[in-house]
Amino acid sequence: RDLHSFPTRRSSDLYFDMGDHRNNIIENNTMQSQRDNAGIGVAWVSDNITIRNNVVYGGLRGLEILNYDPINKPVTNLKISNNTFYTNRKNAYPYWINTWNGFPSMYNTCDSNYLCNPFSDKIVENYSGQNIYHLNFKDWKASSKVDIHSQLSYAHWDYPTDSSFILVNETDSTIKYYFNNAVRDLDNKPVTSTILAPYSSRVFIGNKSISDSEVYTQ
């Protein structure tokens, strides 16, 4: 099952249930929520799942991995790259992982993601047996051996302040947007305009104020 270029989703999960999903691509989705849910969920027995170029904004968990069942068939061969997981709820985490068999065995690759938690330096909540661990970026990389080139929030606030916004193109045209106010992208670079492909999105830091937009043609 290929979910390539799936239209914008709001306030709902994209969930791959136990044992039913292998050899899938989750690509080019936008998920936006203010509920206590996860953006993308992958349950045990799932194998060879590619998760790339998605934007998850809000919610309690960006990516949720349920990696244990009574017969111990773990999630395997995850390929996770170029995603934005921006969790702006209290006690929220870009990654939530339930595992009994360690992190490295889950991944084929996992890198070049934006892992944003503006209210804490903790980016992972890990349930392991009866224990709960919260990991910062340094500890996560050391434990998992992944996300070496991924990036964190450069802006931090006290909850509930959050000067970020998501811009979504919900049309089938490429749109160029112009900002009234100076904003920054997640690489901390100033942006006065941005180009969004059809059914795509980006997260910015600053006040959302669009002065103009136009169908973009090169």
Protein backbone atom coordinates (compact mmCIF):
# COMPACT_ATOMS: atom_id res chain seq x y z
CA ARG A 1 0.00 0.00 0.00
CA ASP A 2 1.49 3.29 -1.14
CA LEU A 3 0.29 6.49 0.50
CA HIS A 4 2.30 8.71 -1.83
CA SER A 5 1.01 12.29 -2.02
CA PHE A 6 -2.00 11.68 0.22
CA PRO A 7 -4.11 14.85 0.68
CA THR A 8 -3.86 16.95 3.83
CA ARG A 9 -5.14 15.26 6.98
CA ARG A 10 -6.28 17.19 10.05
CA SER A 11 -6.99 15.98 13.59
CA SER A 12 -6.58 12.30 12.80
CA ASP A 13 -3.95 9.56 13.01
CA LEU A 14 -2.32 7.64 10.22
CA TYR A 15 -2.02 4.24 11.87
CA PHE A 16 -0.43 1.00 10.69
CA ASP A 17 -1.93 -1.76 12.80
CA MET A 18 -0.27 -4.90 14.15
CA GLY A 19 0.68 -7.49 11.57
CA ASP A 20 -1.28 -5.97 8.72
CA HIS A 21 1.30 -3.73 7.11
CA ARG A 22 4.51 -4.54 5.31
CA ASN A 23 6.32 -2.84 2.44
CA ASN A 24 4.45 0.47 2.73
CA ILE A 25 5.37 4.06 1.94
CA ILE A 26 4.02 6.96 4.04
CA GLU A 27 5.02 10.00 2.02
CA ASN A 28 4.14 13.69 1.58
CA ASN A 29 1.39 13.86 4.21
CA THR A 30 0.41 16.72 6.50
CA MET A 31 -1.16 15.93 9.86
CA GLN A 32 -2.25 18.78 12.13
CA SER A 33 -3.95 18.28 15.48
CA GLN A 34 -4.52 19.84 18.88
CA ARG A 35 -5.75 16.58 20.39
CA ASP A 36 -3.94 14.05 22.56
CA ASN A 37 -3.12 11.79 19.66
CA ALA A 38 -0.18 10.68 17.53
CA GLY A 39 0.47 11.81 14.01
CA ILE A 40 1.87 8.54 12.61
CA GLY A 41 1.57 5.24 14.45
CA VAL A 42 3.33 1.96 13.61
CA ALA A 43 2.46 -1.20 15.56
CA TRP A 44 4.28 -4.48 16.10
CA VAL A 45 4.95 -6.96 13.27
CA SER A 46 5.11 -4.08 10.77
CA ASP A 47 8.08 -4.50 8.45
CA ASN A 48 9.79 -2.44 5.75
CA ILE A 49 7.87 0.80 6.33
CA THR A 50 9.16 3.98 4.66
CA ILE A 51 8.15 7.26 6.35
CA ARG A 52 9.47 10.30 4.49
CA ASN A 53 8.69 13.93 3.69
CA ASN A 54 5.77 14.14 6.13
CA VAL A 55 4.85 17.06 8.40
CA VAL A 56 3.23 16.33 11.77
CA TYR A 57 2.28 19.50 13.66
CA GLY A 58 0.64 19.41 17.08
CA GLY A 59 -0.70 16.38 18.85
CA LEU A 60 0.84 14.58 21.78
CA ARG A 61 3.21 12.33 19.80
CA GLY A 62 4.75 12.92 16.41
CA LEU A 63 5.73 9.33 15.57
CA GLU A 64 4.46 6.50 17.77
CA ILE A 65 6.12 3.07 17.56
CA LEU A 66 4.47 0.17 19.42
CA ASN A 67 7.28 -2.34 19.30
CA TYR A 68 6.13 -5.15 21.58
CA ASP A 69 3.49 -7.84 21.69
CA PRO A 70 3.10 -11.05 23.73
CA ILE A 71 4.90 -13.14 21.10
CA ASN A 72 7.63 -10.52 20.63
CA LYS A 73 7.45 -9.76 16.91
CA PRO A 74 8.99 -6.31 16.73
CA VAL A 75 8.76 -3.53 14.21
CA THR A 76 11.63 -3.94 11.74
CA ASN A 77 13.25 -2.17 8.79
CA LEU A 78 11.89 1.32 9.35
CA LYS A 79 13.15 3.93 6.91
CA ILE A 80 12.44 7.40 8.34
CA SER A 81 13.80 10.53 6.66
CA ASN A 82 13.12 14.20 5.92
CA ASN A 83 10.09 14.44 8.20
CA THR A 84 9.05 17.30 10.47
CA PHE A 85 7.70 16.23 13.86
CA TYR A 86 6.70 19.43 15.69
CA THR A 87 4.89 18.68 18.96
CA ASN A 88 3.57 21.81 20.65
CA ARG A 89 1.48 20.30 23.43
CA LYS A 90 2.47 20.09 27.08
CA ASN A 91 4.35 16.86 27.84
CA ALA A 92 4.46 16.00 24.13
CA TYR A 93 7.34 14.30 22.30
CA PRO A 94 8.38 14.00 18.64
CA TYR A 95 9.01 10.26 19.22
CA TRP A 96 7.06 7.94 21.51
CA ILE A 97 8.44 4.39 21.53
CA ASN A 98 7.31 1.27 23.36
CA THR A 99 10.04 -1.33 23.02
CA TRP A 100 11.59 -4.27 24.82
CA ASN A 101 14.35 -5.14 22.38
CA GLY A 102 16.36 -1.95 21.97
CA PHE A 103 16.29 0.83 19.41
CA PRO A 104 18.81 -0.09 16.70
CA SER A 105 17.03 -3.29 15.62
CA MET A 106 14.00 -1.27 14.47
CA TYR A 107 15.74 0.85 11.88
CA ASN A 108 17.15 0.46 8.44
CA THR A 109 17.64 4.23 8.30
CA CYS A 110 16.42 7.19 10.34
CA ASP A 111 17.94 10.59 9.63
CA SER A 112 17.53 14.17 8.40
CA ASN A 113 14.36 14.80 10.41
CA TYR A 114 13.25 17.90 12.33
CA LEU A 115 12.51 16.84 15.93
CA CYS A 116 10.93 19.88 17.53
CA ASN A 117 9.81 20.17 21.14
CA PRO A 118 9.81 23.90 22.00
CA PHE A 119 9.02 23.28 25.68
CA SER A 120 11.73 20.78 26.60
CA ASP A 121 15.07 19.35 25.48
CA LYS A 122 13.50 15.87 25.69
CA ILE A 123 12.51 14.51 22.28
CA VAL A 124 11.78 10.85 23.09
CA GLU A 125 9.49 9.17 25.58
CA ASN A 126 10.44 5.51 25.83
CA TYR A 127 8.37 2.81 27.55
CA SER A 128 10.62 -0.19 28.20
CA GLY A 129 9.01 -2.89 30.30
CA GLN A 130 7.73 -1.17 33.42
CA ASN A 131 10.10 1.77 33.06
CA ILE A 132 9.65 5.16 31.39
CA TYR A 133 12.63 7.11 30.08
CA HIS A 134 12.86 10.59 28.60
CA LEU A 135 15.79 11.18 26.27
CA ASN A 136 17.37 14.36 24.98
CA PHE A 137 18.93 14.50 21.53
CA LYS A 138 22.42 13.48 22.68
CA ASP A 139 21.15 10.47 24.64
CA TRP A 140 18.79 9.48 21.83
CA LYS A 141 21.57 9.42 19.23
CA ALA A 142 23.85 7.46 21.56
CA SER A 143 21.12 4.89 22.31
CA SER A 144 19.62 4.51 18.86
CA LYS A 145 22.58 5.23 16.53
CA VAL A 146 20.19 7.15 14.26
CA ASP A 147 19.16 10.78 13.54
CA ILE A 148 22.79 11.80 13.23
CA HIS A 149 21.98 14.66 10.84
CA SER A 150 18.55 15.50 12.24
CA GLN A 151 17.83 18.88 13.80
CA LEU A 152 16.12 20.19 16.93
CA SER A 153 14.13 23.27 17.83
CA TYR A 154 16.30 26.36 18.03
CA ALA A 155 13.45 28.34 19.65
CA HIS A 156 12.11 27.48 23.11
CA TRP A 157 9.27 28.92 25.14
CA ASP A 158 7.41 28.35 28.37
CA TYR A 159 4.12 26.53 27.81
CA PRO A 160 1.62 27.55 26.45
CA THR A 161 3.50 30.23 24.47
CA ASP A 162 4.42 28.97 21.00
CA SER A 163 5.37 31.41 18.24
CA SER A 164 5.22 28.88 15.43
CA PHE A 165 2.76 28.20 12.66
CA ILE A 166 2.17 25.74 9.86
CA LEU A 167 1.45 26.88 6.32
CA VAL A 168 -0.48 24.37 4.21
CA ASN A 169 -1.14 24.40 0.49
CA GLU A 170 -4.40 22.51 0.10
CA THR A 171 -4.66 23.07 -3.65
CA ASP A 172 -3.43 21.14 -6.67
CA SER A 173 -1.28 24.11 -7.80
CA THR A 174 2.18 25.20 -6.68
CA ILE A 175 1.69 28.39 -4.63
CA LYS A 176 4.16 31.12 -3.68
CA TYR A 177 3.31 32.89 -0.42
CA TYR A 178 4.65 36.28 0.72
CA PHE A 179 4.95 37.16 4.42
CA ASN A 180 4.12 40.56 5.90
CA ASN A 181 6.43 39.96 8.83
CA ALA A 182 9.88 38.43 8.95
CA VAL A 183 9.74 34.77 9.90
CA ARG A 184 12.33 32.02 10.14
CA ASP A 185 12.30 28.46 8.89
CA LEU A 186 13.31 25.48 11.00
CA ASP A 187 16.92 25.94 9.87
CA ASN A 188 16.81 29.36 11.60
CA LYS A 189 17.07 31.20 8.28
CA PRO A 190 15.04 34.38 7.62
CA VAL A 191 12.25 33.91 5.08
CA THR A 192 10.21 36.57 3.27
CA SER A 193 8.43 34.16 0.93
CA THR A 194 8.06 30.42 0.38
CA ILE A 195 6.95 28.09 -2.40
CA LEU A 196 4.76 25.12 -1.54
CA ALA A 197 4.05 22.24 -3.88
CA PRO A 198 0.46 20.95 -4.11
CA TYR A 199 -0.82 19.39 -0.86
CA SER A 200 2.37 20.20 1.02
CA SER A 201 3.25 22.23 4.11
CA ARG A 202 6.07 23.82 6.12
CA VAL A 203 6.47 24.97 9.70
CA PHE A 204 7.83 28.43 10.50
CA ILE A 205 8.80 30.41 13.57
CA GLY A 206 7.18 33.85 13.85
CA ASN A 207 3.77 35.42 13.37
CA LYS A 208 1.66 34.11 10.53
CA SER A 209 0.75 37.04 8.29
CA ILE A 210 0.42 36.44 4.55
CA SER A 211 0.56 39.57 2.41
CA ASP A 212 -0.05 37.84 -0.91
CA SER A 213 -0.01 34.52 -2.72
CA GLU A 214 0.12 33.48 -6.34
CA VAL A 215 0.24 30.39 -8.49
CA TYR A 216 3.93 29.79 -9.04
CA THR A 217 5.36 28.98 -12.45
CA GLN A 218 9.04 28.89 -13.27
